[in-house]
Amino acid sequence: MSDDRFHELSPEERAKSKLHDPTPGRKKYLIDLLYKFLTKSISFAQLTGLPAKDLYSLSEMGMVKLQHGRVEEARKIFECLVKVDHKNPFYHSALGGVYQKLGRFVDAVYEYSEAIKSNKADMAALVNRGEIYLLHKNYRKAAEDFRSAILQDPQGKNRFANRARSLVVAIKRSLQLQKEKIDKAGGRIPRKRLST
């Protein structure tokens, strides 16, 4: 339909045609909007105008499923939410938690990192990512994440920061015990003997 023909239509006919006003201003607005979406400046939810409260309700459902051990169902929900609204750090953090429960540690670290990029104060993502680093013996990165979480909570009120404090103490004890074993062995790393 040409621009001239569109302007000749009555308001009812315009609504029935399901076309938006093709004026140059409207075209520029749509092109800018699509450009922002393609460059990931806005999410699909923002592009389409999905209500945030509907997405929030869906995320609550995902959290309930995760808390009750229905991890696969929670994974599907949070993967969908991350695709629809990649700008929301909570969805990335929750999906990271799901992947961590599933043992998909690389995916979990990626999702936690995405959450931290958007929200540097996400202590849950920091501590959980630190735990994965600790599990894989990357002590430096684990310590950095734990330190960041602890520094954000000097009063010791946040449960994630307190968990980070306990893990730091556990790391120190573990390293101290390893050092004592090495010292007792005369500077050599003791080998475990196989029992026959």
C-alpha atoms as a PDB file:
ATOM      1  CA  MET A   1       0.000   0.000   0.000  1.00  0.00           C
ATOM      2  CA  SER A   2       1.447   3.397  -0.942  1.00  0.00           C
ATOM      3  CA  ASP A   3       1.850   6.254   1.547  1.00  0.00           C
ATOM      4  CA  ASP A   4      -0.796   8.307  -0.325  1.00  0.00           C
ATOM      5  CA  ARG A   5      -3.338   5.504  -0.150  1.00  0.00           C
ATOM      6  CA  PHE A   6      -2.695   5.043   3.592  1.00  0.00           C
ATOM      7  CA  HIS A   7      -3.541   8.690   4.348  1.00  0.00           C
ATOM      8  CA  GLU A   8      -6.782   8.409   2.405  1.00  0.00           C
ATOM      9  CA  LEU A   9      -8.065   5.644   4.696  1.00  0.00           C
ATOM     10  CA  SER A  10     -10.444   6.370   7.550  1.00  0.00           C
ATOM     11  CA  PRO A  11      -9.149   5.690  11.091  1.00  0.00           C
ATOM     12  CA  GLU A  12     -11.144   2.445  11.204  1.00  0.00           C
ATOM     13  CA  GLU A  13      -9.667   1.281   7.893  1.00  0.00           C
ATOM     14  CA  ARG A  14      -6.165   2.165   9.118  1.00  0.00           C
ATOM     15  CA  ALA A  15      -6.700   0.055  12.224  1.00  0.00           C
ATOM     16  CA  LYS A  16      -8.032  -2.841  10.122  1.00  0.00           C
ATOM     17  CA  SER A  17      -5.046  -2.670   7.770  1.00  0.00           C
ATOM     18  CA  LYS A  18      -2.711  -3.241  10.740  1.00  0.00           C
ATOM     19  CA  LEU A  19      -0.244  -0.797   9.262  1.00  0.00           C
ATOM     20  CA  HIS A  20       1.467   1.896  11.271  1.00  0.00           C
ATOM     21  CA  ASP A  21       1.701   5.412  10.000  1.00  0.00           C
ATOM     22  CA  PRO A  22       4.418   5.277   7.306  1.00  0.00           C
ATOM     23  CA  THR A  23       5.605   8.853   7.811  1.00  0.00           C
ATOM     24  CA  PRO A  24       9.365   9.516   7.649  1.00  0.00           C
ATOM     25  CA  GLY A  25       9.471  10.163  11.415  1.00  0.00           C
ATOM     26  CA  ARG A  26       7.861   6.818  12.152  1.00  0.00           C
ATOM     27  CA  LYS A  27      10.178   5.017   9.721  1.00  0.00           C
ATOM     28  CA  LYS A  28      13.242   6.615  11.369  1.00  0.00           C
ATOM     29  CA  TYR A  29      11.945   5.624  14.821  1.00  0.00           C
ATOM     30  CA  LEU A  30      11.470   1.996  13.734  1.00  0.00           C
ATOM     31  CA  ILE A  31      14.866   1.827  12.043  1.00  0.00           C
ATOM     32  CA  ASP A  32      16.536   3.253  15.179  1.00  0.00           C
ATOM     33  CA  LEU A  33      14.639   0.773  17.343  1.00  0.00           C
ATOM     34  CA  LEU A  34      15.670  -2.172  15.179  1.00  0.00           C
ATOM     35  CA  TYR A  35      19.264  -0.951  15.129  1.00  0.00           C
ATOM     36  CA  LYS A  36      19.314  -0.811  18.936  1.00  0.00           C
ATOM     37  CA  PHE A  37      17.911  -4.345  19.074  1.00  0.00           C
ATOM     38  CA  LEU A  38      20.419  -5.706  16.565  1.00  0.00           C
ATOM     39  CA  THR A  39      23.325  -4.101  18.433  1.00  0.00           C
ATOM     40  CA  LYS A  40      21.940  -5.538  21.707  1.00  0.00           C
ATOM     41  CA  SER A  41      21.361  -2.104  23.220  1.00  0.00           C
ATOM     42  CA  ILE A  42      17.777  -3.129  23.985  1.00  0.00           C
ATOM     43  CA  SER A  43      16.253  -6.521  24.616  1.00  0.00           C
ATOM     44  CA  PHE A  44      13.536  -8.328  22.712  1.00  0.00           C
ATOM     45  CA  ALA A  45      11.192  -7.551  25.616  1.00  0.00           C
ATOM     46  CA  GLN A  46      11.893  -3.834  25.212  1.00  0.00           C
ATOM     47  CA  LEU A  47      11.520  -4.034  21.446  1.00  0.00           C
ATOM     48  CA  THR A  48       8.139  -5.721  21.609  1.00  0.00           C
ATOM     49  CA  GLY A  49       6.888  -4.000  24.753  1.00  0.00           C
ATOM     50  CA  LEU A  50       6.444  -7.170  26.821  1.00  0.00           C
ATOM     51  CA  PRO A  51       5.240  -6.177  30.297  1.00  0.00           C
ATOM     52  CA  ALA A  52       7.985  -6.484  32.925  1.00  0.00           C
ATOM     53  CA  LYS A  53       5.505  -7.771  35.493  1.00  0.00           C
ATOM     54  CA  ASP A  54       4.680 -10.773  33.271  1.00  0.00           C
ATOM     55  CA  LEU A  55       8.364 -11.602  32.953  1.00  0.00           C
ATOM     56  CA  TYR A  56       8.775 -11.153  36.693  1.00  0.00           C
ATOM     57  CA  SER A  57       5.906 -13.586  37.355  1.00  0.00           C
ATOM     58  CA  LEU A  58       7.562 -16.119  35.090  1.00  0.00           C
ATOM     59  CA  SER A  59      10.882 -15.681  36.916  1.00  0.00           C
ATOM     60  CA  GLU A  60       9.116 -16.273  40.255  1.00  0.00           C
ATOM     61  CA  MET A  61       7.748 -19.511  38.839  1.00  0.00           C
ATOM     62  CA  GLY A  62      11.260 -20.495  37.767  1.00  0.00           C
ATOM     63  CA  MET A  63      12.649 -19.789  41.251  1.00  0.00           C
ATOM     64  CA  VAL A  64       9.943 -21.929  42.876  1.00  0.00           C
ATOM     65  CA  LYS A  65      10.734 -24.786  40.508  1.00  0.00           C
ATOM     66  CA  LEU A  66      14.459 -24.432  41.245  1.00  0.00           C
ATOM     67  CA  GLN A  67      13.869 -24.436  45.009  1.00  0.00           C
ATOM     68  CA  HIS A  68      11.774 -27.583  44.744  1.00  0.00           C
ATOM     69  CA  GLY A  69      14.359 -29.492  42.711  1.00  0.00           C
ATOM     70  CA  ARG A  70      12.659 -29.217  39.348  1.00  0.00           C
ATOM     71  CA  VAL A  71      15.891 -27.995  37.805  1.00  0.00           C
ATOM     72  CA  GLU A  72      15.180 -28.881  34.171  1.00  0.00           C
ATOM     73  CA  GLU A  73      11.926 -26.941  34.215  1.00  0.00           C
ATOM     74  CA  ALA A  74      13.672 -23.977  35.849  1.00  0.00           C
ATOM     75  CA  ARG A  75      16.410 -24.177  33.194  1.00  0.00           C
ATOM     76  CA  LYS A  76      13.856 -23.869  30.395  1.00  0.00           C
ATOM     77  CA  ILE A  77      12.179 -20.891  32.050  1.00  0.00           C
ATOM     78  CA  PHE A  78      15.399 -18.973  32.708  1.00  0.00           C
ATOM     79  CA  GLU A  79      16.897 -19.748  29.302  1.00  0.00           C
ATOM     80  CA  CYS A  80      13.740 -18.289  27.762  1.00  0.00           C
ATOM     81  CA  LEU A  81      13.879 -15.222  30.028  1.00  0.00           C
ATOM     82  CA  VAL A  82      17.547 -14.616  29.171  1.00  0.00           C
ATOM     83  CA  LYS A  83      16.723 -14.742  25.469  1.00  0.00           C
ATOM     84  CA  VAL A  84      13.742 -12.428  25.837  1.00  0.00           C
ATOM     85  CA  ASP A  85      15.430  -9.943  28.195  1.00  0.00           C
ATOM     86  CA  HIS A  86      19.213 -10.296  28.051  1.00  0.00           C
ATOM     87  CA  LYS A  87      19.612  -6.954  29.844  1.00  0.00           C
ATOM     88  CA  ASN A  88      18.196  -8.253  33.154  1.00  0.00           C
ATOM     89  CA  PRO A  89      21.035  -9.378  35.469  1.00  0.00           C
ATOM     90  CA  PHE A  90      18.714 -11.381  37.728  1.00  0.00           C
ATOM     91  CA  TYR A  91      17.801 -13.751  34.893  1.00  0.00           C
ATOM     92  CA  HIS A  92      21.489 -14.360  34.127  1.00  0.00           C
ATOM     93  CA  SER A  93      22.260 -14.950  37.796  1.00  0.00           C
ATOM     94  CA  ALA A  94      19.354 -17.380  38.186  1.00  0.00           C
ATOM     95  CA  LEU A  95      20.331 -19.260  35.027  1.00  0.00           C
ATOM     96  CA  GLY A  96      23.882 -19.442  36.373  1.00  0.00           C
ATOM     97  CA  GLY A  97      22.485 -21.070  39.511  1.00  0.00           C
ATOM     98  CA  VAL A  98      20.571 -23.587  37.425  1.00  0.00           C
ATOM     99  CA  TYR A  99      23.668 -24.453  35.392  1.00  0.00           C
ATOM    100  CA  GLN A 100      25.719 -24.760  38.572  1.00  0.00           C
ATOM    101  CA  LYS A 101      23.209 -27.283  39.969  1.00  0.00           C
ATOM    102  CA  LEU A 102      23.378 -29.200  36.689  1.00  0.00           C
ATOM    103  CA  GLY A 103      27.185 -29.296  36.811  1.00  0.00           C
ATOM    104  CA  ARG A 104      27.522 -27.149  33.685  1.00  0.00           C
ATOM    105  CA  PHE A 105      30.207 -25.004  35.270  1.00  0.00           C
ATOM    106  CA  VAL A 106      31.448 -23.189  32.168  1.00  0.00           C
ATOM    107  CA  ASP A 107      27.902 -22.086  31.327  1.00  0.00           C
ATOM    108  CA  ALA A 108      27.332 -21.080  34.959  1.00  0.00           C
ATOM    109  CA  VAL A 109      30.480 -18.931  35.051  1.00  0.00           C
ATOM    110  CA  TYR A 110      29.419 -17.254  31.794  1.00  0.00           C
ATOM    111  CA  GLU A 111      25.941 -16.445  33.136  1.00  0.00           C
ATOM    112  CA  TYR A 112      27.300 -15.188  36.462  1.00  0.00           C
ATOM    113  CA  SER A 113      29.780 -13.005  34.562  1.00  0.00           C
ATOM    114  CA  GLU A 114      26.963 -11.557  32.454  1.00  0.00           C
ATOM    115  CA  ALA A 115      25.008 -10.767  35.622  1.00  0.00           C
ATOM    116  CA  ILE A 116      28.049  -9.093  37.192  1.00  0.00           C
ATOM    117  CA  LYS A 117      28.645  -7.004  34.048  1.00  0.00           C
ATOM    118  CA  SER A 118      25.200  -5.466  34.441  1.00  0.00           C
ATOM    119  CA  ASN A 119      25.165  -5.368  38.248  1.00  0.00           C
ATOM    120  CA  LYS A 120      28.547  -5.187  39.982  1.00  0.00           C
ATOM    121  CA  ALA A 121      26.795  -5.504  43.369  1.00  0.00           C
ATOM    122  CA  ASP A 122      25.286  -8.927  42.611  1.00  0.00           C
ATOM    123  CA  MET A 123      26.815 -10.755  45.548  1.00  0.00           C
ATOM    124  CA  ALA A 124      25.035 -14.023  44.782  1.00  0.00           C
ATOM    125  CA  ALA A 125      26.654 -14.142  41.340  1.00  0.00           C
ATOM    126  CA  LEU A 126      30.066 -13.140  42.735  1.00  0.00           C
ATOM    127  CA  VAL A 127      30.112 -15.752  45.491  1.00  0.00           C
ATOM    128  CA  ASN A 128      28.654 -18.537  43.348  1.00  0.00           C
ATOM    129  CA  ARG A 129      31.163 -17.851  40.575  1.00  0.00           C
ATOM    130  CA  GLY A 130      33.904 -17.778  43.207  1.00  0.00           C
ATOM    131  CA  GLU A 131      32.786 -21.186  44.468  1.00  0.00           C
ATOM    132  CA  ILE A 132      33.060 -22.617  40.969  1.00  0.00           C
ATOM    133  CA  TYR A 133      36.569 -21.164  40.625  1.00  0.00           C
ATOM    134  CA  LEU A 134      37.440 -22.627  44.016  1.00  0.00           C
ATOM    135  CA  LEU A 135      36.077 -26.033  43.021  1.00  0.00           C
ATOM    136  CA  HIS A 136      38.353 -25.966  39.975  1.00  0.00           C
ATOM    137  CA  LYS A 137      41.361 -24.789  42.032  1.00  0.00           C
ATOM    138  CA  ASN A 138      41.537 -21.335  40.455  1.00  0.00           C
ATOM    139  CA  TYR A 139      42.304 -19.748  43.821  1.00  0.00           C
ATOM    140  CA  ARG A 140      43.239 -16.317  42.491  1.00  0.00           C
ATOM    141  CA  LYS A 141      39.928 -15.744  40.696  1.00  0.00           C
ATOM    142  CA  ALA A 142      37.982 -17.253  43.590  1.00  0.00           C
ATOM    143  CA  ALA A 143      39.717 -14.902  46.018  1.00  0.00           C
ATOM    144  CA  GLU A 144      38.966 -11.896  43.776  1.00  0.00           C
ATOM    145  CA  ASP A 145      35.251 -12.725  43.696  1.00  0.00           C
ATOM    146  CA  PHE A 146      35.100 -13.381  47.429  1.00  0.00           C
ATOM    147  CA  ARG A 147      37.001 -10.164  48.143  1.00  0.00           C
ATOM    148  CA  SER A 148      34.586  -8.142  45.981  1.00  0.00           C
ATOM    149  CA  ALA A 149      31.602  -9.593  47.826  1.00  0.00           C
ATOM    150  CA  ILE A 150      33.146  -9.026  51.260  1.00  0.00           C
ATOM    151  CA  LEU A 151      34.091  -5.418  50.481  1.00  0.00           C
ATOM    152  CA  GLN A 152      30.502  -4.655  49.478  1.00  0.00           C
ATOM    153  CA  ASP A 153      29.251  -5.788  52.892  1.00  0.00           C
ATOM    154  CA  PRO A 154      31.489  -4.360  55.637  1.00  0.00           C
ATOM    155  CA  GLN A 155      28.778  -4.825  58.317  1.00  0.00           C
ATOM    156  CA  GLY A 156      28.484  -8.566  57.649  1.00  0.00           C
ATOM    157  CA  LYS A 157      24.713  -8.526  57.058  1.00  0.00           C
ATOM    158  CA  ASN A 158      24.536 -10.176  53.632  1.00  0.00           C
ATOM    159  CA  ARG A 159      24.404 -13.973  53.679  1.00  0.00           C
ATOM    160  CA  PHE A 160      26.387 -14.303  50.447  1.00  0.00           C
ATOM    161  CA  ALA A 161      29.175 -12.062  51.742  1.00  0.00           C
ATOM    162  CA  ASN A 162      29.234 -14.080  54.969  1.00  0.00           C
ATOM    163  CA  ARG A 163      29.500 -17.290  52.959  1.00  0.00           C
ATOM    164  CA  ALA A 164      32.429 -15.717  51.108  1.00  0.00           C
ATOM    165  CA  ARG A 165      34.068 -14.906  54.462  1.00  0.00           C
ATOM    166  CA  SER A 166      33.735 -18.542  55.580  1.00  0.00           C
ATOM    167  CA  LEU A 167      35.134 -19.820  52.290  1.00  0.00           C
ATOM    168  CA  VAL A 168      38.137 -17.491  52.554  1.00  0.00           C
ATOM    169  CA  VAL A 169      38.863 -18.856  56.051  1.00  0.00           C
ATOM    170  CA  ALA A 170      38.528 -22.422  54.704  1.00  0.00           C
ATOM    171  CA  ILE A 171      40.913 -21.660  51.827  1.00  0.00           C
ATOM    172  CA  LYS A 172      43.492 -20.220  54.227  1.00  0.00           C
ATOM    173  CA  ARG A 173      43.276 -23.288  56.476  1.00  0.00           C
ATOM    174  CA  SER A 174      43.547 -25.638  53.520  1.00  0.00           C
ATOM    175  CA  LEU A 175      46.604 -23.843  52.121  1.00  0.00           C
ATOM    176  CA  GLN A 176      48.212 -23.778  55.559  1.00  0.00           C
ATOM    177  CA  LEU A 177      47.698 -27.539  55.978  1.00  0.00           C
ATOM    178  CA  GLN A 178      49.186 -28.185  52.529  1.00  0.00           C
ATOM    179  CA  LYS A 179      52.213 -26.060  53.424  1.00  0.00           C
ATOM    180  CA  GLU A 180      52.697 -27.965  56.699  1.00  0.00           C
ATOM    181  CA  LYS A 181      52.563 -31.299  54.833  1.00  0.00           C
ATOM    182  CA  ILE A 182      55.200 -30.063  52.400  1.00  0.00           C
ATOM    183  CA  ASP A 183      57.414 -28.852  55.257  1.00  0.00           C
ATOM    184  CA  LYS A 184      57.088 -32.211  57.060  1.00  0.00           C
ATOM    185  CA  ALA A 185      58.054 -34.058  53.885  1.00  0.00           C
ATOM    186  CA  GLY A 186      61.304 -32.104  53.682  1.00  0.00           C
ATOM    187  CA  GLY A 187      60.233 -29.715  50.946  1.00  0.00           C
ATOM    188  CA  ARG A 188      58.776 -32.440  48.763  1.00  0.00           C
ATOM    189  CA  ILE A 189      55.109 -32.820  47.981  1.00  0.00           C
ATOM    190  CA  PRO A 190      54.043 -36.034  49.728  1.00  0.00           C
ATOM    191  CA  ARG A 191      52.597 -38.725  47.517  1.00  0.00           C
ATOM    192  CA  LYS A 192      49.725 -40.884  48.599  1.00  0.00           C
ATOM    193  CA  ARG A 193      50.614 -44.532  48.723  1.00  0.00           C
ATOM    194  CA  LEU A 194      48.389 -47.014  47.059  1.00  0.00           C
ATOM    195  CA  SER A 195      47.237 -49.794  49.313  1.00  0.00           C
ATOM    196  CA  THR A 196      47.452 -53.253  47.870  1.00  0.00           C
END
